[in-house]
Amino acid sequence: MTIPYWISTELKLPATYLGAFEFSFALGLIASSLYINAFVRAWAGRLKNVLFGFVLLGSSVMAIVLMGNIYMSILLAFFCGMAFIFINVNLSTLRSTATPRNYRTRMSAMAGFLSSLANPFGVAIAGWYISLLGVVPFTVISGAVVVLIAPVILCSFHLRRALSLDEVEMKGYYEKTYPAAFYKRGQQKQDA
């Protein structure tokens, strides 16, 4: 939301530049989905891939508004798209693989619901902060918050462990780690 607003209000450019920005972002999504994410995950592992995604996304968002050059911003949009895939594909794989089979549909529905529920509030809050701080300071702060998610992930033992497992070991990780979240007392022993 902030980048289109920045392009139209701060740079005062026509919508074609926004289209080029979005196209570059989409190319980053496609290239990362097809090739780059698998290469980085095989080379560095799922945990480092996710951490790199948060750092790349936050840094690119900050650089877009700080550089003030639309052509560099369009290039950086490609990296934002790549980073988005690094984060979402790996965390979605974790969520679906680590969740017990009987709960996967509920877990996916819950994640989608919470995301959809948060979006309008996020847009309203972002709009308020943009009017208070300005689009550039707000976007820089937002990018810094995204970068700071990486150390938070490193502080979570279970998330670090889960993201360090391969897909076979990851299967049922939540059930093994948090059995009380999925079963009432004694139910797990009865089901076994």
Protein backbone atom coordinates (compact mmCIF):
# COMPACT_ATOMS: atom_id res chain seq x y z
CA MET A 1 0.00 0.00 0.00
CA THR A 2 2.78 2.45 0.85
CA ILE A 3 4.83 2.07 -2.34
CA PRO A 4 1.97 2.91 -4.76
CA TYR A 5 1.11 5.87 -2.56
CA TRP A 6 4.78 6.93 -2.57
CA ILE A 7 5.00 6.63 -6.38
CA SER A 8 1.89 8.75 -6.94
CA THR A 9 2.31 11.39 -4.20
CA GLU A 10 6.04 11.76 -3.62
CA LEU A 11 7.41 11.03 -7.08
CA LYS A 12 4.27 12.25 -8.87
CA LEU A 13 4.68 9.68 -11.63
CA PRO A 14 2.00 8.24 -13.90
CA ALA A 15 0.46 4.84 -13.31
CA THR A 16 2.72 3.20 -15.93
CA TYR A 17 5.57 3.31 -13.42
CA LEU A 18 3.40 1.62 -10.83
CA GLY A 19 2.61 -1.03 -13.46
CA ALA A 20 6.33 -1.52 -14.12
CA PHE A 21 6.96 -1.79 -10.39
CA GLU A 22 4.22 -4.41 -9.97
CA PHE A 23 5.48 -6.30 -13.05
CA SER A 24 8.98 -6.43 -11.60
CA PHE A 25 7.57 -7.69 -8.29
CA ALA A 26 5.65 -10.39 -10.17
CA LEU A 27 8.80 -11.43 -12.05
CA GLY A 28 10.56 -11.79 -8.69
CA LEU A 29 7.73 -14.00 -7.46
CA ILE A 30 7.88 -16.19 -10.58
CA ALA A 31 11.67 -16.46 -10.76
CA SER A 32 11.92 -17.28 -7.08
CA SER A 33 9.07 -19.79 -7.25
CA LEU A 34 10.57 -21.59 -10.22
CA TYR A 35 14.29 -21.56 -9.48
CA ILE A 36 15.82 -19.25 -6.90
CA ASN A 37 13.98 -20.38 -3.75
CA ALA A 38 14.85 -24.06 -4.33
CA PHE A 39 18.49 -23.17 -5.01
CA VAL A 40 18.84 -20.99 -1.88
CA ARG A 41 17.04 -23.57 0.28
CA ALA A 42 19.30 -26.39 -0.98
CA TRP A 43 22.41 -24.24 -0.52
CA ALA A 44 21.65 -22.55 2.83
CA GLY A 45 18.79 -24.53 4.38
CA ARG A 46 15.18 -23.58 5.07
CA LEU A 47 15.93 -21.56 8.23
CA LYS A 48 18.56 -19.35 6.61
CA ASN A 49 16.35 -19.02 3.53
CA VAL A 50 13.53 -17.59 5.67
CA LEU A 51 15.90 -15.32 7.60
CA PHE A 52 17.42 -14.08 4.34
CA GLY A 53 13.90 -13.46 3.02
CA PHE A 54 12.99 -11.19 5.93
CA VAL A 55 16.26 -9.27 5.72
CA LEU A 56 16.03 -8.94 1.92
CA LEU A 57 12.38 -7.83 2.00
CA GLY A 58 12.84 -5.24 4.75
CA SER A 59 16.07 -3.89 3.27
CA SER A 60 14.58 -3.63 -0.21
CA VAL A 61 11.50 -1.80 1.06
CA MET A 62 13.67 0.70 2.92
CA ALA A 63 15.99 1.16 -0.07
CA ILE A 64 13.06 1.75 -2.44
CA VAL A 65 11.91 4.91 -0.68
CA LEU A 66 15.33 6.11 0.47
CA MET A 67 16.88 6.03 -3.00
CA GLY A 68 14.05 7.99 -4.57
CA ASN A 69 14.95 6.68 -8.03
CA ILE A 70 12.04 4.95 -9.76
CA TYR A 71 14.30 2.76 -11.91
CA MET A 72 16.19 1.43 -8.88
CA SER A 73 12.83 0.99 -7.15
CA ILE A 74 11.58 -1.12 -10.04
CA LEU A 75 14.70 -3.29 -9.79
CA LEU A 76 14.29 -3.60 -6.01
CA ALA A 77 10.68 -4.69 -6.52
CA PHE A 78 12.10 -7.86 -8.12
CA PHE A 79 14.04 -8.56 -4.90
CA CYS A 80 10.89 -7.90 -2.84
CA GLY A 81 9.08 -10.54 -4.89
CA MET A 82 11.93 -12.99 -4.39
CA ALA A 83 11.98 -12.36 -0.64
CA PHE A 84 8.23 -12.80 -0.42
CA ILE A 85 8.59 -16.32 -1.86
CA PHE A 86 11.55 -17.13 0.43
CA ILE A 87 9.33 -16.35 3.41
CA ASN A 88 5.91 -17.61 2.34
CA VAL A 89 6.79 -20.86 0.60
CA ASN A 90 9.01 -22.07 3.42
CA LEU A 91 6.68 -21.04 6.25
CA SER A 92 3.63 -22.43 4.43
CA THR A 93 5.48 -25.71 3.91
CA LEU A 94 6.25 -25.80 7.61
CA ARG A 95 2.66 -25.03 8.57
CA SER A 96 1.16 -27.69 6.31
CA THR A 97 3.78 -30.39 6.91
CA ALA A 98 4.19 -29.97 10.66
CA THR A 99 0.45 -29.81 11.36
CA PRO A 100 -1.26 -33.15 12.07
CA ARG A 101 -3.13 -34.43 9.02
CA ASN A 102 -6.60 -34.10 10.59
CA TYR A 103 -5.98 -30.43 11.39
CA ARG A 104 -4.37 -29.15 8.15
CA THR A 105 -7.57 -27.81 6.59
CA ARG A 106 -8.51 -26.02 9.80
CA MET A 107 -5.02 -24.60 10.19
CA SER A 108 -4.97 -23.30 6.58
CA ALA A 109 -8.45 -21.83 6.94
CA MET A 110 -7.48 -20.18 10.22
CA ALA A 111 -4.32 -18.67 8.71
CA GLY A 112 -6.29 -17.34 5.73
CA PHE A 113 -9.02 -15.97 7.97
CA LEU A 114 -6.61 -14.19 10.31
CA SER A 115 -4.70 -12.72 7.38
CA SER A 116 -7.91 -11.46 5.75
CA LEU A 117 -9.13 -10.12 9.07
CA ALA A 118 -5.89 -8.23 9.74
CA ASN A 119 -5.61 -6.61 6.28
CA PRO A 120 -8.26 -3.87 6.62
CA PHE A 121 -7.01 -2.97 10.10
CA GLY A 122 -3.42 -2.89 8.81
CA VAL A 123 -4.37 -0.60 5.94
CA ALA A 124 -6.27 1.74 8.28
CA ILE A 125 -3.40 1.84 10.79
CA ALA A 126 -0.83 2.34 8.01
CA GLY A 127 -2.91 5.19 6.56
CA TRP A 128 -3.06 6.85 9.95
CA TYR A 129 0.71 6.53 10.47
CA ILE A 130 1.43 7.77 6.93
CA SER A 131 -0.64 10.89 7.60
CA LEU A 132 1.14 11.33 10.94
CA LEU A 133 4.76 10.58 9.93
CA GLY A 134 4.81 10.81 6.14
CA VAL A 135 5.14 7.99 3.65
CA VAL A 136 8.96 7.77 3.60
CA PRO A 137 9.54 7.60 7.38
CA PHE A 138 6.66 5.14 7.79
CA THR A 139 7.98 2.90 5.00
CA VAL A 140 11.51 2.96 6.46
CA ILE A 141 10.14 2.03 9.89
CA SER A 142 8.04 -0.75 8.34
CA GLY A 143 11.08 -2.12 6.49
CA ALA A 144 13.13 -2.03 9.69
CA VAL A 145 10.40 -3.95 11.54
CA VAL A 146 10.45 -6.62 8.82
CA VAL A 147 14.25 -6.93 9.14
CA LEU A 148 13.89 -7.25 12.92
CA ILE A 149 11.65 -10.30 12.50
CA ALA A 150 14.78 -12.34 11.67
CA PRO A 151 16.26 -12.05 15.19
CA VAL A 152 12.84 -12.84 16.67
CA ILE A 153 12.82 -16.10 14.69
CA LEU A 154 16.28 -16.88 16.03
CA CYS A 155 14.96 -16.43 19.58
CA SER A 156 12.29 -19.11 19.09
CA PHE A 157 13.85 -22.52 19.76
CA HIS A 158 10.93 -24.50 18.31
CA LEU A 159 10.65 -22.40 15.14
CA ARG A 160 14.40 -22.59 14.58
CA ARG A 161 14.32 -26.35 15.11
CA ALA A 162 11.28 -26.87 12.85
CA LEU A 163 12.78 -24.80 10.02
CA SER A 164 16.04 -26.75 10.33
CA LEU A 165 14.34 -30.11 9.70
CA ASP A 166 13.95 -31.67 6.28
CA GLU A 167 10.39 -32.31 5.08
CA VAL A 168 10.35 -35.94 6.26
CA GLU A 169 11.45 -35.01 9.79
CA MET A 170 9.13 -31.99 9.76
CA LYS A 171 6.06 -34.19 9.30
CA GLY A 172 3.93 -34.05 12.45
CA TYR A 173 6.38 -31.76 14.28
CA TYR A 174 3.61 -29.66 15.85
CA GLU A 175 1.81 -32.77 17.08
CA LYS A 176 4.99 -34.04 18.75
CA THR A 177 5.95 -30.65 20.17
CA TYR A 178 2.52 -29.36 21.22
CA PRO A 179 0.29 -32.43 21.75
CA ALA A 180 -2.04 -30.53 24.10
CA ALA A 181 -2.93 -28.15 21.27
CA PHE A 182 -4.40 -30.97 19.20
CA TYR A 183 -5.74 -33.50 21.69
CA LYS A 184 -7.71 -33.44 24.90
CA ARG A 185 -6.09 -35.18 27.86
CA GLY A 186 -5.95 -38.90 27.30
CA GLN A 187 -7.36 -38.68 23.75
CA GLN A 188 -3.97 -39.16 22.07
CA LYS A 189 -3.36 -42.42 23.95
CA GLN A 190 -6.85 -43.66 23.04
CA ASP A 191 -6.34 -42.82 19.33
CA ALA A 192 -3.01 -44.68 19.23
